[in-house]
PDB file of N, CA and C in Angstrom:
ATOM      1  N   MET A   1     122.851  -8.612 -51.340  1.00  0.00           N
ATOM      2  CA  MET A   1     122.023  -9.036 -50.224  1.00  0.00           C
ATOM      3  C   MET A   1     122.299 -10.504 -50.009  1.00  0.00           C
ATOM      4  N   SER A   2     122.471 -10.856 -48.762  1.00  0.00           N
ATOM      5  CA  SER A   2     122.790 -12.250 -48.465  1.00  0.00           C
ATOM      6  C   SER A   2     121.538 -13.095 -48.546  1.00  0.00           C
ATOM      7  N   GLY A   3     121.740 -14.366 -48.590  1.00  0.00           N
ATOM      8  CA  GLY A   3     120.619 -15.297 -48.692  1.00  0.00           C
ATOM      9  C   GLY A   3     119.703 -15.220 -47.481  1.00  0.00           C
ATOM     10  N   ARG A   4     120.274 -15.034 -46.300  1.00  0.00           N
ATOM     11  CA  ARG A   4     119.453 -14.934 -45.080  1.00  0.00           C
ATOM     12  C   ARG A   4     118.592 -13.680 -45.103  1.00  0.00           C
ATOM     13  N   ALA A   5     119.171 -12.575 -45.516  1.00  0.00           N
ATOM     14  CA  ALA A   5     118.438 -11.310 -45.554  1.00  0.00           C
ATOM     15  C   ALA A   5     117.297 -11.390 -46.549  1.00  0.00           C
ATOM     16  N   LEU A   6     117.564 -12.017 -47.709  1.00  0.00           N
ATOM     17  CA  LEU A   6     116.520 -12.168 -48.728  1.00  0.00           C
ATOM     18  C   LEU A   6     115.405 -13.049 -48.209  1.00  0.00           C
ATOM     19  N   LEU A   7     115.754 -14.115 -47.529  1.00  0.00           N
ATOM     20  CA  LEU A   7     114.752 -15.019 -46.956  1.00  0.00           C
ATOM     21  C   LEU A   7     113.910 -14.295 -45.912  1.00  0.00           C
ATOM     22  N   LEU A   8     114.522 -13.464 -45.092  1.00  0.00           N
ATOM     23  CA  LEU A   8     113.814 -12.700 -44.081  1.00  0.00           C
ATOM     24  C   LEU A   8     112.827 -11.718 -44.719  1.00  0.00           C
ATOM     25  N   VAL A   9     113.228 -11.064 -45.815  1.00  0.00           N
ATOM     26  CA  VAL A   9     112.358 -10.119 -46.516  1.00  0.00           C
ATOM     27  C   VAL A   9     111.159 -10.862 -47.111  1.00  0.00           C
ATOM     28  N   VAL A  10     111.382 -12.006 -47.709  1.00  0.00           N
ATOM     29  CA  VAL A  10     110.296 -12.781 -48.327  1.00  0.00           C
ATOM     30  C   VAL A  10     109.330 -13.275 -47.262  1.00  0.00           C
ATOM     31  N   ILE A  11     109.819 -13.784 -46.165  1.00  0.00           N
ATOM     32  CA  ILE A  11     108.951 -14.285 -45.087  1.00  0.00           C
ATOM     33  C   ILE A  11     108.129 -13.146 -44.502  1.00  0.00           C
ATOM     34  N   THR A  12     108.751 -11.984 -44.279  1.00  0.00           N
ATOM     35  CA  THR A  12     108.060 -10.832 -43.720  1.00  0.00           C
ATOM     36  C   THR A  12     106.978 -10.335 -44.676  1.00  0.00           C
ATOM     37  N   ALA A  13     107.248 -10.334 -45.953  1.00  0.00           N
ATOM     38  CA  ALA A  13     106.285  -9.844 -46.944  1.00  0.00           C
ATOM     39  C   ALA A  13     105.048 -10.735 -47.012  1.00  0.00           C
ATOM     40  N   PHE A  14     105.230 -12.018 -46.876  1.00  0.00           N
ATOM     41  CA  PHE A  14     104.093 -12.935 -47.012  1.00  0.00           C
ATOM     42  C   PHE A  14     103.478 -13.353 -45.682  1.00  0.00           C
ATOM     43  N   ALA A  15     104.019 -12.882 -44.581  1.00  0.00           N
ATOM     44  CA  ALA A  15     103.502 -13.280 -43.267  1.00  0.00           C
ATOM     45  C   ALA A  15     102.077 -12.811 -43.041  1.00  0.00           C
ATOM     46  N   GLY A  16     101.727 -11.630 -43.556  1.00  0.00           N
ATOM     47  CA  GLY A  16     100.382 -11.090 -43.353  1.00  0.00           C
ATOM     48  C   GLY A  16      99.388 -11.531 -44.401  1.00  0.00           C
ATOM     49  N   CYS A  17      99.801 -12.312 -45.365  1.00  0.00           N
ATOM     50  CA  CYS A  17      98.929 -12.727 -46.448  1.00  0.00           C
ATOM     51  C   CYS A  17      98.139 -13.962 -46.034  1.00  0.00           C
ATOM     52  N   ASP A  18      96.824 -13.853 -46.030  1.00  0.00           N
ATOM     53  CA  ASP A  18      95.978 -14.982 -45.648  1.00  0.00           C
ATOM     54  C   ASP A  18      95.510 -15.784 -46.853  1.00  0.00           C
ATOM     55  N   GLY A  19      95.871 -15.387 -48.003  1.00  0.00           N
ATOM     56  CA  GLY A  19      95.404 -16.069 -49.201  1.00  0.00           C
ATOM     57  C   GLY A  19      94.110 -15.451 -49.675  1.00  0.00           C
ATOM     58  N   PRO A  20      93.452 -16.053 -50.644  1.00  0.00           N
ATOM     59  CA  PRO A  20      92.226 -15.477 -51.190  1.00  0.00           C
ATOM     60  C   PRO A  20      91.117 -15.447 -50.144  1.00  0.00           C
ATOM     61  N   LYS A  21      90.348 -14.375 -50.175  1.00  0.00           N
ATOM     62  CA  LYS A  21      89.253 -14.216 -49.203  1.00  0.00           C
ATOM     63  C   LYS A  21      87.924 -14.398 -49.904  1.00  0.00           C
ATOM     64  N   ALA A  22      86.976 -14.902 -49.141  1.00  0.00           N
ATOM     65  CA  ALA A  22      85.624 -15.071 -49.677  1.00  0.00           C
ATOM     66  C   ALA A  22      84.996 -13.698 -49.849  1.00  0.00           C
ATOM     67  N   PRO A  23      84.175 -13.509 -50.881  1.00  0.00           N
ATOM     68  CA  PRO A  23      83.540 -12.201 -51.060  1.00  0.00           C
ATOM     69  C   PRO A  23      82.639 -11.869 -49.877  1.00  0.00           C
ATOM     70  N   ARG A  24      82.665 -10.624 -49.501  1.00  0.00           N
ATOM     71  CA  ARG A  24      81.840 -10.175 -48.373  1.00  0.00           C
ATOM     72  C   ARG A  24      80.423  -9.873 -48.839  1.00  0.00           C
ATOM     73  N   GLU A  25      79.492 -10.059 -47.908  1.00  0.00           N
ATOM     74  CA  GLU A  25      78.107  -9.675 -48.179  1.00  0.00           C
ATOM     75  C   GLU A  25      78.031  -8.153 -48.094  1.00  0.00           C
ATOM     76  N   PRO A  26      77.293  -7.525 -49.014  1.00  0.00           N
ATOM     77  CA  PRO A  26      77.216  -6.059 -48.954  1.00  0.00           C
ATOM     78  C   PRO A  26      76.631  -5.583 -47.626  1.00  0.00           C
ATOM     79  N   ALA A  27      77.118  -4.461 -47.172  1.00  0.00           N
ATOM     80  CA  ALA A  27      76.613  -3.898 -45.913  1.00  0.00           C
ATOM     81  C   ALA A  27      75.155  -3.498 -46.086  1.00  0.00           C
ATOM     82  N   ARG A  28      74.381  -3.717 -45.059  1.00  0.00           N
ATOM     83  CA  ARG A  28      72.959  -3.375 -45.097  1.00  0.00           C
ATOM     84  C   ARG A  28      72.717  -2.125 -44.275  1.00  0.00           C
ATOM     85  N   MET A  29      71.882  -1.262 -44.805  1.00  0.00           N
ATOM     86  CA  MET A  29      71.484  -0.069 -44.077  1.00  0.00           C
ATOM     87  C   MET A  29      70.328  -0.435 -43.162  1.00  0.00           C
ATOM     88  N   THR A  30      70.446  -0.104 -41.934  1.00  0.00           N
ATOM     89  CA  THR A  30      69.359  -0.376 -40.997  1.00  0.00           C
ATOM     90  C   THR A  30      68.880   0.936 -40.405  1.00  0.00           C
ATOM     91  N   THR A  31      67.601   1.008 -40.212  1.00  0.00           N
ATOM     92  CA  THR A  31      67.011   2.183 -39.589  1.00  0.00           C
ATOM     93  C   THR A  31      66.848   1.883 -38.113  1.00  0.00           C
ATOM     94  N   PRO A  32      67.400   2.719 -37.242  1.00  0.00           N
ATOM     95  CA  PRO A  32      67.250   2.440 -35.812  1.00  0.00           C
ATOM     96  C   PRO A  32      65.786   2.537 -35.390  1.00  0.00           C
ATOM     97  N   LYS A  33      65.431   1.700 -34.455  1.00  0.00           N
ATOM     98  CA  LYS A  33      64.068   1.702 -33.934  1.00  0.00           C
ATOM     99  C   LYS A  33      63.817   3.014 -33.196  1.00  0.00           C
ATOM    100  N   ALA A  34      62.691   3.610 -33.479  1.00  0.00           N
ATOM    101  CA  ALA A  34      62.358   4.883 -32.829  1.00  0.00           C
ATOM    102  C   ALA A  34      62.146   4.654 -31.339  1.00  0.00           C
ATOM    103  N   ALA A  35      62.784   5.454 -30.553  1.00  0.00           N
ATOM    104  CA  ALA A  35      62.651   5.342 -29.104  1.00  0.00           C
ATOM    105  C   ALA A  35      61.411   6.096 -28.645  1.00  0.00           C
ATOM    106  N   GLU A  36      60.830   5.617 -27.586  1.00  0.00           N
ATOM    107  CA  GLU A  36      59.702   6.313 -26.985  1.00  0.00           C
ATOM    108  C   GLU A  36      60.211   7.627 -26.403  1.00  0.00           C
ATOM    109  N   PRO A  37      59.494   8.708 -26.628  1.00  0.00           N
ATOM    110  CA  PRO A  37      59.960   9.969 -26.045  1.00  0.00           C
ATOM    111  C   PRO A  37      59.943   9.895 -24.525  1.00  0.00           C
ATOM    112  N   GLN A  38      61.003  10.340 -23.943  1.00  0.00           N
ATOM    113  CA  GLN A  38      61.127  10.321 -22.493  1.00  0.00           C
ATOM    114  C   GLN A  38      60.967  11.737 -21.953  1.00  0.00           C
ATOM    115  N   ILE A  39      60.079  11.891 -21.020  1.00  0.00           N
ATOM    116  CA  ILE A  39      59.907  13.181 -20.369  1.00  0.00           C
ATOM    117  C   ILE A  39      60.754  13.154 -19.106  1.00  0.00           C
ATOM    118  N   PRO A  40      61.727  14.045 -19.032  1.00  0.00           N
ATOM    119  CA  PRO A  40      62.585  14.016 -17.856  1.00  0.00           C
ATOM    120  C   PRO A  40      61.816  14.378 -16.588  1.00  0.00           C
ATOM    121  N   THR A  41      62.164  13.716 -15.524  1.00  0.00           N
ATOM    122  CA  THR A  41      61.562  14.030 -14.243  1.00  0.00           C
ATOM    123  C   THR A  41      62.333  15.209 -13.660  1.00  0.00           C
ATOM    124  N   ARG A  42      61.614  16.229 -13.329  1.00  0.00           N
ATOM    125  CA  ARG A  42      62.261  17.433 -12.830  1.00  0.00           C
ATOM    126  C   ARG A  42      61.647  17.839 -11.508  1.00  0.00           C
ATOM    127  N   ARG A  43      62.345  18.706 -10.841  1.00  0.00           N
ATOM    128  CA  ARG A  43      61.816  19.278  -9.611  1.00  0.00           C
ATOM    129  C   ARG A  43      60.678  20.225  -9.962  1.00  0.00           C
ATOM    130  N   PRO A  44      59.704  20.330  -9.091  1.00  0.00           N
ATOM    131  CA  PRO A  44      58.616  21.287  -9.334  1.00  0.00           C
ATOM    132  C   PRO A  44      59.174  22.708  -9.428  1.00  0.00           C
ATOM    133  N   PHE A  45      58.598  23.506 -10.323  1.00  0.00           N
ATOM    134  CA  PHE A  45      59.056  24.884 -10.461  1.00  0.00           C
ATOM    135  C   PHE A  45      57.886  25.814 -10.736  1.00  0.00           C
ATOM    136  N   ILE A  46      58.130  27.097 -10.529  1.00  0.00           N
ATOM    137  CA  ILE A  46      57.151  28.146 -10.787  1.00  0.00           C
ATOM    138  C   ILE A  46      57.719  29.028 -11.886  1.00  0.00           C
ATOM    139  N   ASP A  47      56.944  29.257 -12.932  1.00  0.00           N
ATOM    140  CA  ASP A  47      57.353  30.182 -13.986  1.00  0.00           C
ATOM    141  C   ASP A  47      56.944  31.575 -13.530  1.00  0.00           C
ATOM    142  N   THR A  48      57.926  32.384 -13.216  1.00  0.00           N
ATOM    143  CA  THR A  48      57.653  33.686 -12.604  1.00  0.00           C
ATOM    144  C   THR A  48      57.542  34.824 -13.602  1.00  0.00           C
ATOM    145  N   HIS A  49      57.620  34.532 -14.889  1.00  0.00           N
ATOM    146  CA  HIS A  49      57.578  35.619 -15.867  1.00  0.00           C
ATOM    147  C   HIS A  49      56.810  35.166 -17.108  1.00  0.00           C
ATOM    148  N   VAL A  50      55.497  35.307 -17.045  1.00  0.00           N
ATOM    149  CA  VAL A  50      54.630  34.912 -18.159  1.00  0.00           C
ATOM    150  C   VAL A  50      53.797  36.119 -18.564  1.00  0.00           C
ATOM    151  N   HIS A  51      53.668  36.334 -19.859  1.00  0.00           N
ATOM    152  CA  HIS A  51      52.751  37.329 -20.409  1.00  0.00           C
ATOM    153  C   HIS A  51      51.808  36.556 -21.317  1.00  0.00           C
ATOM    154  N   MET A  52      50.556  36.374 -20.901  1.00  0.00           N
ATOM    155  CA  MET A  52      49.656  35.570 -21.721  1.00  0.00           C
ATOM    156  C   MET A  52      48.207  35.929 -21.506  1.00  0.00           C
ATOM    157  N   ASN A  53      47.421  35.520 -22.470  1.00  0.00           N
ATOM    158  CA  ASN A  53      45.983  35.669 -22.415  1.00  0.00           C
ATOM    159  C   ASN A  53      45.428  34.598 -21.486  1.00  0.00           C
ATOM    160  N   ALA A  54      44.380  34.913 -20.779  1.00  0.00           N
ATOM    161  CA  ALA A  54      43.816  33.968 -19.811  1.00  0.00           C
ATOM    162  C   ALA A  54      43.329  32.683 -20.465  1.00  0.00           C
ATOM    163  N   ARG A  55      42.986  32.713 -21.746  1.00  0.00           N
ATOM    164  CA  ARG A  55      42.511  31.501 -22.421  1.00  0.00           C
ATOM    165  C   ARG A  55      43.606  30.452 -22.557  1.00  0.00           C
ATOM    166  N   ALA A  56      44.857  30.849 -22.418  1.00  0.00           N
ATOM    167  CA  ALA A  56      45.975  29.914 -22.597  1.00  0.00           C
ATOM    168  C   ALA A  56      46.435  29.256 -21.303  1.00  0.00           C
ATOM    169  N   TYR A  57      45.884  29.635 -20.177  1.00  0.00           N
ATOM    170  CA  TYR A  57      46.339  29.068 -18.898  1.00  0.00           C
ATOM    171  C   TYR A  57      46.254  27.544 -18.891  1.00  0.00           C
ATOM    172  N   GLY A  58      45.119  27.031 -19.256  1.00  0.00           N
ATOM    173  CA  GLY A  58      44.913  25.579 -19.208  1.00  0.00           C
ATOM    174  C   GLY A  58      45.868  24.826 -20.110  1.00  0.00           C
ATOM    175  N   VAL A  59      46.086  25.346 -21.312  1.00  0.00           N
ATOM    176  CA  VAL A  59      46.989  24.688 -22.259  1.00  0.00           C
ATOM    177  C   VAL A  59      48.409  24.675 -21.720  1.00  0.00           C
ATOM    178  N   LEU A  60      48.864  25.813 -21.225  1.00  0.00           N
ATOM    179  CA  LEU A  60      50.226  25.896 -20.700  1.00  0.00           C
ATOM    180  C   LEU A  60      50.423  24.952 -19.510  1.00  0.00           C
ATOM    181  N   LEU A  61      49.509  24.984 -18.574  1.00  0.00           N
ATOM    182  CA  LEU A  61      49.641  24.127 -17.395  1.00  0.00           C
ATOM    183  C   LEU A  61      49.594  22.651 -17.773  1.00  0.00           C
ATOM    184  N   GLU A  62      48.724  22.291 -18.688  1.00  0.00           N
ATOM    185  CA  GLU A  62      48.612  20.889 -19.111  1.00  0.00           C
ATOM    186  C   GLU A  62      49.876  20.405 -19.815  1.00  0.00           C
ATOM    187  N   GLN A  63      50.420  21.230 -20.699  1.00  0.00           N
ATOM    188  CA  GLN A  63      51.593  20.831 -21.469  1.00  0.00           C
ATOM    189  C   GLN A  63      52.864  20.768 -20.628  1.00  0.00           C
ATOM    190  N   LEU A  64      53.000  21.659 -19.678  1.00  0.00           N
ATOM    191  CA  LEU A  64      54.250  21.734 -18.918  1.00  0.00           C
ATOM    192  C   LEU A  64      54.196  21.043 -17.561  1.00  0.00           C
ATOM    193  N   GLU A  65      53.037  20.575 -17.149  1.00  0.00           N
ATOM    194  CA  GLU A  65      52.953  19.877 -15.866  1.00  0.00           C
ATOM    195  C   GLU A  65      53.859  18.645 -15.812  1.00  0.00           C
ATOM    196  N   PRO A  66      53.959  17.831 -16.883  1.00  0.00           N
ATOM    197  CA  PRO A  66      54.874  16.681 -16.812  1.00  0.00           C
ATOM    198  C   PRO A  66      56.333  17.072 -16.618  1.00  0.00           C
ATOM    199  N   LEU A  67      56.690  18.306 -16.942  1.00  0.00           N
ATOM    200  CA  LEU A  67      58.061  18.769 -16.740  1.00  0.00           C
ATOM    201  C   LEU A  67      58.282  19.383 -15.370  1.00  0.00           C
ATOM    202  N   GLY A  68      57.215  19.512 -14.599  1.00  0.00           N
ATOM    203  CA  GLY A  68      57.354  20.012 -13.234  1.00  0.00           C
ATOM    204  C   GLY A  68      56.729  21.369 -12.975  1.00  0.00           C
ATOM    205  N   LEU A  69      56.100  21.987 -13.978  1.00  0.00           N
ATOM    206  CA  LEU A  69      55.489  23.299 -13.759  1.00  0.00           C
ATOM    207  C   LEU A  69      54.323  23.172 -12.787  1.00  0.00           C
ATOM    208  N   ARG A  70      54.361  23.933 -11.722  1.00  0.00           N
ATOM    209  CA  ARG A  70      53.297  23.869 -10.719  1.00  0.00           C
ATOM    210  C   ARG A  70      52.467  25.148 -10.671  1.00  0.00           C
ATOM    211  N   ARG A  71      53.087  26.271 -11.004  1.00  0.00           N
ATOM    212  CA  ARG A  71      52.397  27.546 -10.864  1.00  0.00           C
ATOM    213  C   ARG A  71      53.000  28.536 -11.852  1.00  0.00           C
ATOM    214  N   ILE A  72      52.153  29.464 -12.344  1.00  0.00           N
ATOM    215  CA  ILE A  72      52.648  30.532 -13.211  1.00  0.00           C
ATOM    216  C   ILE A  72      52.250  31.868 -12.627  1.00  0.00           C
ATOM    217  N   ILE A  73      53.072  32.873 -12.909  1.00  0.00           N
ATOM    218  CA  ILE A  73      52.755  34.244 -12.513  1.00  0.00           C
ATOM    219  C   ILE A  73      52.632  35.052 -13.795  1.00  0.00           C
ATOM    220  N   ASN A  74      51.411  35.453 -14.104  1.00  0.00           N
ATOM    221  CA  ASN A  74      51.142  36.217 -15.312  1.00  0.00           C
ATOM    222  C   ASN A  74      51.350  37.696 -15.017  1.00  0.00           C
ATOM    223  N   LEU A  75      52.331  38.281 -15.696  1.00  0.00           N
ATOM    224  CA  LEU A  75      52.635  39.693 -15.488  1.00  0.00           C
ATOM    225  C   LEU A  75      51.724  40.602 -16.301  1.00  0.00           C
ATOM    226  N   SER A  76      50.839  40.027 -17.089  1.00  0.00           N
ATOM    227  CA  SER A  76      49.863  40.800 -17.866  1.00  0.00           C
ATOM    228  C   SER A  76      48.480  40.602 -17.270  1.00  0.00           C
ATOM    229  N   GLY A  77      48.362  40.873 -15.990  1.00  0.00           N
ATOM    230  CA  GLY A  77      47.097  40.659 -15.291  1.00  0.00           C
ATOM    231  C   GLY A  77      46.048  41.715 -15.565  1.00  0.00           C
ATOM    232  N   GLY A  78      46.427  42.778 -16.230  1.00  0.00           N
ATOM    233  CA  GLY A  78      45.476  43.819 -16.584  1.00  0.00           C
ATOM    234  C   GLY A  78      45.699  45.086 -15.804  1.00  0.00           C
ATOM    235  N   SER A  79      45.352  46.209 -16.441  1.00  0.00           N
ATOM    236  CA  SER A  79      45.507  47.489 -15.765  1.00  0.00           C
ATOM    237  C   SER A  79      44.166  48.175 -15.511  1.00  0.00           C
ATOM    238  N   SER A  80      43.132  47.777 -16.239  1.00  0.00           N
ATOM    239  CA  SER A  80      41.813  48.366 -15.978  1.00  0.00           C
ATOM    240  C   SER A  80      41.054  47.473 -14.998  1.00  0.00           C
ATOM    241  N   ALA A  81      40.061  48.040 -14.347  1.00  0.00           N
ATOM    242  CA  ALA A  81      39.269  47.273 -13.372  1.00  0.00           C
ATOM    243  C   ALA A  81      38.574  46.087 -14.046  1.00  0.00           C
ATOM    244  N   GLU A  82      38.074  46.288 -15.267  1.00  0.00           N
ATOM    245  CA  GLU A  82      37.378  45.202 -15.962  1.00  0.00           C
ATOM    246  C   GLU A  82      38.336  44.067 -16.324  1.00  0.00           C
ATOM    247  N   ALA A  83      39.512  44.432 -16.838  1.00  0.00           N
ATOM    248  CA  ALA A  83      40.498  43.411 -17.224  1.00  0.00           C
ATOM    249  C   ALA A  83      40.975  42.636 -16.009  1.00  0.00           C
ATOM    250  N   ARG A  84      41.194  43.356 -14.896  1.00  0.00           N
ATOM    251  CA  ARG A  84      41.627  42.669 -13.674  1.00  0.00           C
ATOM    252  C   ARG A  84      40.564  41.691 -13.204  1.00  0.00           C
ATOM    253  N   ALA A  85      39.311  42.107 -13.177  1.00  0.00           N
ATOM    254  CA  ALA A  85      38.230  41.238 -12.710  1.00  0.00           C
ATOM    255  C   ALA A  85      38.114  40.002 -13.587  1.00  0.00           C
ATOM    256  N   GLU A  86      38.228  40.191 -14.891  1.00  0.00           N
ATOM    257  CA  GLU A  86      38.143  39.065 -15.814  1.00  0.00           C
ATOM    258  C   GLU A  86      39.315  38.100 -15.625  1.00  0.00           C
ATOM    259  N   ASN A  87      40.529  38.646 -15.491  1.00  0.00           N
ATOM    260  CA  ASN A  87      41.708  37.800 -15.292  1.00  0.00           C
ATOM    261  C   ASN A  87      41.672  37.067 -13.951  1.00  0.00           C
ATOM    262  N   ILE A  88      41.189  37.726 -12.921  1.00  0.00           N
ATOM    263  CA  ILE A  88      41.078  37.076 -11.609  1.00  0.00           C
ATOM    264  C   ILE A  88      40.086  35.929 -11.680  1.00  0.00           C
ATOM    265  N   ALA A  89      38.965  36.140 -12.344  1.00  0.00           N
ATOM    266  CA  ALA A  89      37.961  35.074 -12.479  1.00  0.00           C
ATOM    267  C   ALA A  89      38.533  33.879 -13.243  1.00  0.00           C
ATOM    268  N   ASP A  90      39.275  34.148 -14.316  1.00  0.00           N
ATOM    269  CA  ASP A  90      39.881  33.059 -15.093  1.00  0.00           C
ATOM    270  C   ASP A  90      40.965  32.336 -14.296  1.00  0.00           C
ATOM    271  N   ALA A  91      41.775  33.086 -13.565  1.00  0.00           N
ATOM    272  CA  ALA A  91      42.851  32.482 -12.783  1.00  0.00           C
ATOM    273  C   ALA A  91      42.297  31.627 -11.645  1.00  0.00           C
ATOM    274  N   ASP A  92      41.181  32.046 -11.070  1.00  0.00           N
ATOM    275  CA  ASP A  92      40.582  31.294  -9.962  1.00  0.00           C
ATOM    276  C   ASP A  92      40.136  29.902 -10.380  1.00  0.00           C
ATOM    277  N   LYS A  93      39.913  29.686 -11.656  1.00  0.00           N
ATOM    278  CA  LYS A  93      39.494  28.367 -12.153  1.00  0.00           C
ATOM    279  C   LYS A  93      40.599  27.328 -12.000  1.00  0.00           C
ATOM    280  N   PHE A  94      41.819  27.760 -11.753  1.00  0.00           N
ATOM    281  CA  PHE A  94      42.954  26.841 -11.690  1.00  0.00           C
ATOM    282  C   PHE A  94      43.474  26.634 -10.273  1.00  0.00           C
ATOM    283  N   GLY A  95      42.656  26.936  -9.302  1.00  0.00           N
ATOM    284  CA  GLY A  95      42.958  26.591  -7.915  1.00  0.00           C
ATOM    285  C   GLY A  95      44.279  27.112  -7.379  1.00  0.00           C
ATOM    286  N   GLY A  96      44.610  28.353  -7.647  1.00  0.00           N
ATOM    287  CA  GLY A  96      45.835  28.929  -7.092  1.00  0.00           C
ATOM    288  C   GLY A  96      47.081  28.652  -7.912  1.00  0.00           C
ATOM    289  N   ARG A  97      46.956  27.972  -9.027  1.00  0.00           N
ATOM    290  CA  ARG A  97      48.131  27.686  -9.854  1.00  0.00           C
ATOM    291  C   ARG A  97      48.484  28.854 -10.780  1.00  0.00           C
ATOM    292  N   VAL A  98      47.570  29.818 -10.917  1.00  0.00           N
ATOM    293  CA  VAL A  98      47.830  31.005 -11.724  1.00  0.00           C
ATOM    294  C   VAL A  98      47.749  32.220 -10.811  1.00  0.00           C
ATOM    295  N   LEU A  99      48.846  32.939 -10.695  1.00  0.00           N
ATOM    296  CA  LEU A  99      48.891  34.166  -9.903  1.00  0.00           C
ATOM    297  C   LEU A  99      49.022  35.327 -10.879  1.00  0.00           C
ATOM    298  N   LEU A 100      48.482  36.477 -10.503  1.00  0.00           N
ATOM    299  CA  LEU A 100      48.447  37.626 -11.392  1.00  0.00           C
ATOM    300  C   LEU A 100      49.208  38.801 -10.817  1.00  0.00           C
ATOM    301  N   PHE A 101      49.808  39.559 -11.698  1.00  0.00           N
ATOM    302  CA  PHE A 101      50.428  40.816 -11.346  1.00  0.00           C
ATOM    303  C   PHE A 101      49.651  41.900 -12.082  1.00  0.00           C
ATOM    304  N   HIS A 102      49.204  42.881 -11.351  1.00  0.00           N
ATOM    305  CA  HIS A 102      48.406  43.973 -11.934  1.00  0.00           C
ATOM    306  C   HIS A 102      49.208  45.264 -11.866  1.00  0.00           C
ATOM    307  N   ASN A 103      49.124  46.067 -12.917  1.00  0.00           N
ATOM    308  CA  ASN A 103      49.797  47.362 -12.874  1.00  0.00           C
ATOM    309  C   ASN A 103      48.843  48.464 -13.240  1.00  0.00           C
TER     310      ASN A 103
END
């Protein structure tokens, strides 16, 4: 190997060497700040397929109203005259937001 080639190899080998480095501080684990839950803004919608007891109407409407629920159609409106009358009375408390299907 010629003197020039040897010099080139030595220069190339040490070109990336910065010398001794200061010790690094250990990495710290950080917990991300909890974000506030975001309720997406959605278009108003009607849930057209619900099977539920009349006692749950208020809970369902209250919980899903921020997501855009405006009206539900309960397909379990009752088949006997007594059940229908009871379900109609309960649904009427919600100002047209609960519609019933009777079979």
